[in-house]
Amino acid sequence: MANSVLSNDVETEQILTCLNIKLYHPDGNDKKLFSLLKLGREEIKSDVTVAFGRDPTTCRYLLASKKVSRVQFVLQFFKPLGLSTTCFEIKNTSKKTKLYVDHLELDYLNKIDLPPKCMIRFGEFQIQVEKETGESDEQFEISCELSRVPLVQDIYERIMTPIPENGVLNCDAPSTLRYSMAVEIDENEQ
C-alpha cells in the first residue's frame, strides 16, 4: 500500500457560477455580426464588470453592428449582503436603446438583479441567459453560443369563444378557433 500525503496548502477546487448565454439576431448568418464575439467558456475574475457592445476597448463581448451602442449593457457579479449565494446585476448603458429583461423595460442607467433564467432583448438582438450556481467568490464563467433560430416567439393573443361543456364549438367560428374538448366524466359514473 502506497503512502499518500495530502498537503494542507493545496487549494480545494470550487465549482464556478456560470452564465450560459445564447445569442440570436435575424442577420446572425452574416459572419461579420458575431465575428468578434468570444464563443465558448471563459473564466472571469469576480471584480470584473462584463460589458457587451461594439467598443473593443471597453467591451469584453463585441457585437459588430452599427445599431449596437458602444457599450450596450454591463453585467456585474456580486454577493448580496447577508446571503451566501452570488448574483448578477444588469445595467443598461445605452442612451438610445431600451433594454428588456423578460418583460421589464430598462432605460439608460437602470439596473436590476438578473433573474436565474431570463431573456434579454434590445433592437433585434435576443439573448437567453441561464445561471448555474457555483461556490466560488473569486471567479465566474460565461459560456457563450449562437442560436440559429429565434429565442423569442411572437405570441398573438386571440379572443377565444368559450367552449361549451359538451365540447362542441359554434361552427361559424373561424377554423383556427375550433377546438374539441374531452368531456369530463366523474370517476364514480359508469
Protein backbone atom coordinates (compact mmCIF):
# COMPACT_ATOMS: atom_id res chain seq x y z
CA MET A 1 0.00 0.00 0.00
CA ALA A 2 1.49 3.29 -1.08
CA ASN A 3 1.74 6.10 1.42
CA SER A 4 -0.07 9.21 0.18
CA VAL A 5 0.46 12.52 1.89
CA LEU A 6 -2.04 15.32 1.48
CA SER A 7 -0.70 18.83 1.73
CA ASN A 8 -2.72 21.43 3.61
CA ASP A 9 -1.70 24.15 1.17
CA VAL A 10 -3.42 22.55 -1.83
CA GLU A 11 -6.46 24.66 -2.75
CA THR A 12 -9.83 22.96 -2.95
CA GLU A 13 -11.29 23.23 -6.43
CA GLN A 14 -14.57 25.09 -6.33
CA ILE A 15 -17.36 24.99 -8.87
CA LEU A 16 -17.71 28.34 -10.62
CA THR A 17 -21.02 30.11 -11.12
CA CYS A 18 -21.70 30.07 -14.86
CA LEU A 19 -23.87 32.26 -17.06
CA ASN A 20 -24.95 30.26 -20.11
CA ILE A 21 -25.66 32.77 -22.85
CA LYS A 22 -27.30 32.11 -26.24
CA LEU A 23 -27.45 34.96 -28.75
CA TYR A 24 -29.73 35.37 -31.72
CA HIS A 25 -30.12 38.05 -34.37
CA PRO A 26 -32.08 37.70 -37.65
CA ASP A 27 -28.89 38.62 -39.54
CA GLY A 28 -26.82 36.17 -37.48
CA ASN A 29 -25.79 34.23 -40.58
CA ASP A 30 -23.84 37.31 -41.66
CA LYS A 31 -20.35 36.32 -40.49
CA LYS A 32 -19.42 39.93 -39.61
CA LEU A 33 -22.14 40.45 -36.97
CA PHE A 34 -20.74 37.92 -34.48
CA SER A 35 -17.19 37.72 -35.87
CA LEU A 36 -15.60 39.44 -32.85
CA LEU A 37 -17.69 37.63 -30.23
CA LYS A 38 -15.92 35.27 -27.81
CA LEU A 39 -17.69 31.94 -28.11
CA GLY A 40 -17.24 29.02 -25.72
CA ARG A 41 -16.42 29.11 -22.00
CA GLU A 42 -14.37 31.80 -20.33
CA GLU A 43 -13.35 32.27 -16.68
CA ILE A 44 -13.61 35.84 -15.39
CA LYS A 45 -12.45 37.34 -12.09
CA SER A 46 -15.34 38.29 -9.82
CA ASP A 47 -14.44 42.00 -9.63
CA VAL A 48 -14.59 42.46 -13.43
CA THR A 49 -17.59 44.19 -14.97
CA VAL A 50 -18.53 42.43 -18.21
CA ALA A 51 -19.63 44.79 -20.98
CA PHE A 52 -21.49 43.94 -24.20
CA GLY A 53 -21.36 46.38 -27.11
CA ARG A 54 -19.25 47.41 -30.09
CA ASP A 55 -16.35 49.30 -28.43
CA PRO A 56 -13.32 46.96 -28.41
CA THR A 57 -11.51 48.98 -25.73
CA THR A 58 -14.38 48.69 -23.22
CA CYS A 59 -16.41 45.60 -24.14
CA ARG A 60 -15.45 42.02 -23.46
CA TYR A 61 -18.25 40.73 -25.74
CA LEU A 62 -18.28 42.55 -29.06
CA LEU A 63 -21.26 42.84 -31.39
CA ALA A 64 -20.26 44.19 -34.80
CA SER A 65 -23.35 46.23 -35.64
CA LYS A 66 -23.77 49.99 -36.03
CA LYS A 67 -27.16 49.63 -34.33
CA VAL A 68 -25.47 48.46 -31.11
CA SER A 69 -24.26 51.14 -28.67
CA ARG A 70 -20.58 51.44 -27.86
CA VAL A 71 -21.46 49.89 -24.51
CA GLN A 72 -24.94 48.36 -24.71
CA PHE A 73 -25.16 46.81 -21.23
CA VAL A 74 -22.95 45.54 -18.42
CA LEU A 75 -23.13 42.57 -16.07
CA GLN A 76 -21.68 42.69 -12.56
CA PHE A 77 -21.11 39.64 -10.33
CA PHE A 78 -21.91 40.31 -6.65
CA LYS A 79 -22.93 38.77 -3.34
CA PRO A 80 -25.96 40.36 -1.64
CA LEU A 81 -25.43 41.47 1.94
CA GLY A 82 -26.18 38.69 4.40
CA LEU A 83 -26.51 35.95 1.76
CA SER A 84 -24.06 33.22 0.81
CA THR A 85 -25.22 32.94 -2.80
CA THR A 86 -23.88 35.08 -5.63
CA CYS A 87 -25.92 37.02 -8.17
CA PHE A 88 -25.53 39.16 -11.26
CA GLU A 89 -26.96 42.57 -11.93
CA ILE A 90 -27.56 44.00 -15.38
CA LYS A 91 -27.40 47.71 -16.22
CA ASN A 92 -28.49 49.40 -19.44
CA THR A 93 -25.66 51.70 -20.54
CA SER A 94 -27.22 52.73 -23.85
CA LYS A 95 -28.78 56.20 -24.10
CA LYS A 96 -30.54 55.34 -27.38
CA THR A 97 -31.80 51.78 -26.96
CA LYS A 98 -34.07 50.41 -24.28
CA LEU A 99 -33.08 47.07 -22.82
CA TYR A 100 -35.69 44.48 -21.89
CA VAL A 101 -35.11 41.78 -19.29
CA ASP A 102 -38.02 39.41 -19.76
CA HIS A 103 -40.86 41.97 -19.95
CA LEU A 104 -39.24 44.64 -17.79
CA GLU A 105 -38.03 47.73 -19.66
CA LEU A 106 -34.75 49.29 -18.52
CA ASP A 107 -33.95 52.85 -19.58
CA TYR A 108 -30.45 54.36 -19.56
CA LEU A 109 -28.55 53.56 -16.33
CA ASN A 110 -31.42 51.48 -14.89
CA LYS A 111 -30.23 48.23 -13.33
CA ILE A 112 -31.81 45.14 -11.78
CA ASP A 113 -30.74 41.79 -10.41
CA LEU A 114 -30.58 39.31 -13.27
CA PRO A 115 -33.15 36.52 -12.81
CA PRO A 116 -31.73 32.95 -12.77
CA LYS A 117 -33.24 32.38 -16.24
CA CYS A 118 -34.32 35.24 -18.47
CA MET A 119 -34.48 36.77 -21.93
CA ILE A 120 -32.59 39.99 -22.67
CA ARG A 121 -33.67 41.96 -25.74
CA PHE A 122 -32.53 45.16 -27.42
CA GLY A 123 -33.06 46.12 -31.03
CA GLU A 124 -33.31 42.82 -32.93
CA PHE A 125 -30.94 41.01 -30.56
CA GLN A 126 -32.29 38.24 -28.34
CA ILE A 127 -30.10 36.85 -25.56
CA GLN A 128 -31.19 33.92 -23.43
CA VAL A 129 -29.36 33.76 -20.09
CA GLU A 130 -29.41 30.92 -17.59
CA LYS A 131 -27.38 30.92 -14.38
CA GLU A 132 -25.79 27.78 -12.94
CA THR A 133 -24.96 28.48 -9.31
CA GLY A 134 -21.45 27.72 -8.12
CA GLU A 135 -19.42 28.03 -4.94
CA SER A 136 -16.56 30.36 -5.81
CA ASP A 137 -16.49 34.05 -4.89
CA GLU A 138 -13.20 34.55 -6.73
CA GLN A 139 -14.29 33.84 -10.32
CA PHE A 140 -17.26 33.03 -12.50
CA GLU A 141 -17.67 31.68 -16.03
CA ILE A 142 -19.54 32.80 -19.09
CA SER A 143 -20.43 30.23 -21.72
CA CYS A 144 -21.46 31.94 -24.94
CA GLU A 145 -23.00 30.37 -28.04
CA LEU A 146 -25.06 31.43 -31.04
CA SER A 147 -28.56 30.29 -31.90
CA ARG A 148 -29.71 29.89 -35.48
CA VAL A 149 -33.38 30.10 -34.51
CA PRO A 150 -35.23 32.90 -32.69
CA LEU A 151 -35.24 32.54 -28.92
CA VAL A 152 -38.45 34.56 -28.51
CA GLN A 153 -41.56 33.64 -30.43
CA ASP A 154 -44.16 36.33 -31.03
CA ILE A 155 -47.36 35.35 -29.29
CA TYR A 156 -50.51 36.67 -30.82
CA GLU A 157 -53.35 36.94 -28.37
CA ARG A 158 -56.68 35.87 -29.76
CA ILE A 159 -60.07 36.46 -28.32
CA MET A 160 -61.44 32.98 -27.95
CA THR A 161 -65.02 31.90 -27.64
CA PRO A 162 -65.63 29.77 -24.55
CA ILE A 163 -66.03 26.08 -25.31
CA PRO A 164 -69.33 24.64 -24.14
CA GLU A 165 -69.20 21.68 -21.75
CA ASN A 166 -70.35 19.27 -24.46
CA GLY A 167 -67.13 20.04 -26.38
CA VAL A 168 -68.82 21.49 -29.48
CA LEU A 169 -67.94 24.98 -30.64
CA ASN A 170 -70.16 27.06 -32.91
CA CYS A 171 -69.24 26.02 -36.46
CA ASP A 172 -69.48 29.64 -37.63
CA ALA A 173 -66.25 30.41 -35.75
CA PRO A 174 -63.03 30.60 -37.78
CA SER A 175 -61.27 27.24 -38.18
CA THR A 176 -58.30 28.45 -36.11
CA LEU A 177 -60.62 28.77 -33.13
CA ARG A 178 -62.32 25.37 -33.47
CA TYR A 179 -61.16 23.09 -30.70
CA SER A 180 -62.62 19.95 -29.26
CA MET A 181 -62.54 19.27 -25.60
CA ALA A 182 -62.69 15.97 -23.78
CA VAL A 183 -65.88 15.55 -21.85
CA GLU A 184 -65.24 15.21 -18.14
CA ILE A 185 -66.51 12.00 -16.56
CA ASP A 186 -66.82 11.63 -12.84
CA GLU A 187 -64.83 8.64 -11.53
CA ASN A 188 -67.96 7.33 -9.82
CA GLU A 189 -70.05 7.37 -13.02
CA GLN A 190 -70.08 4.35 -15.31
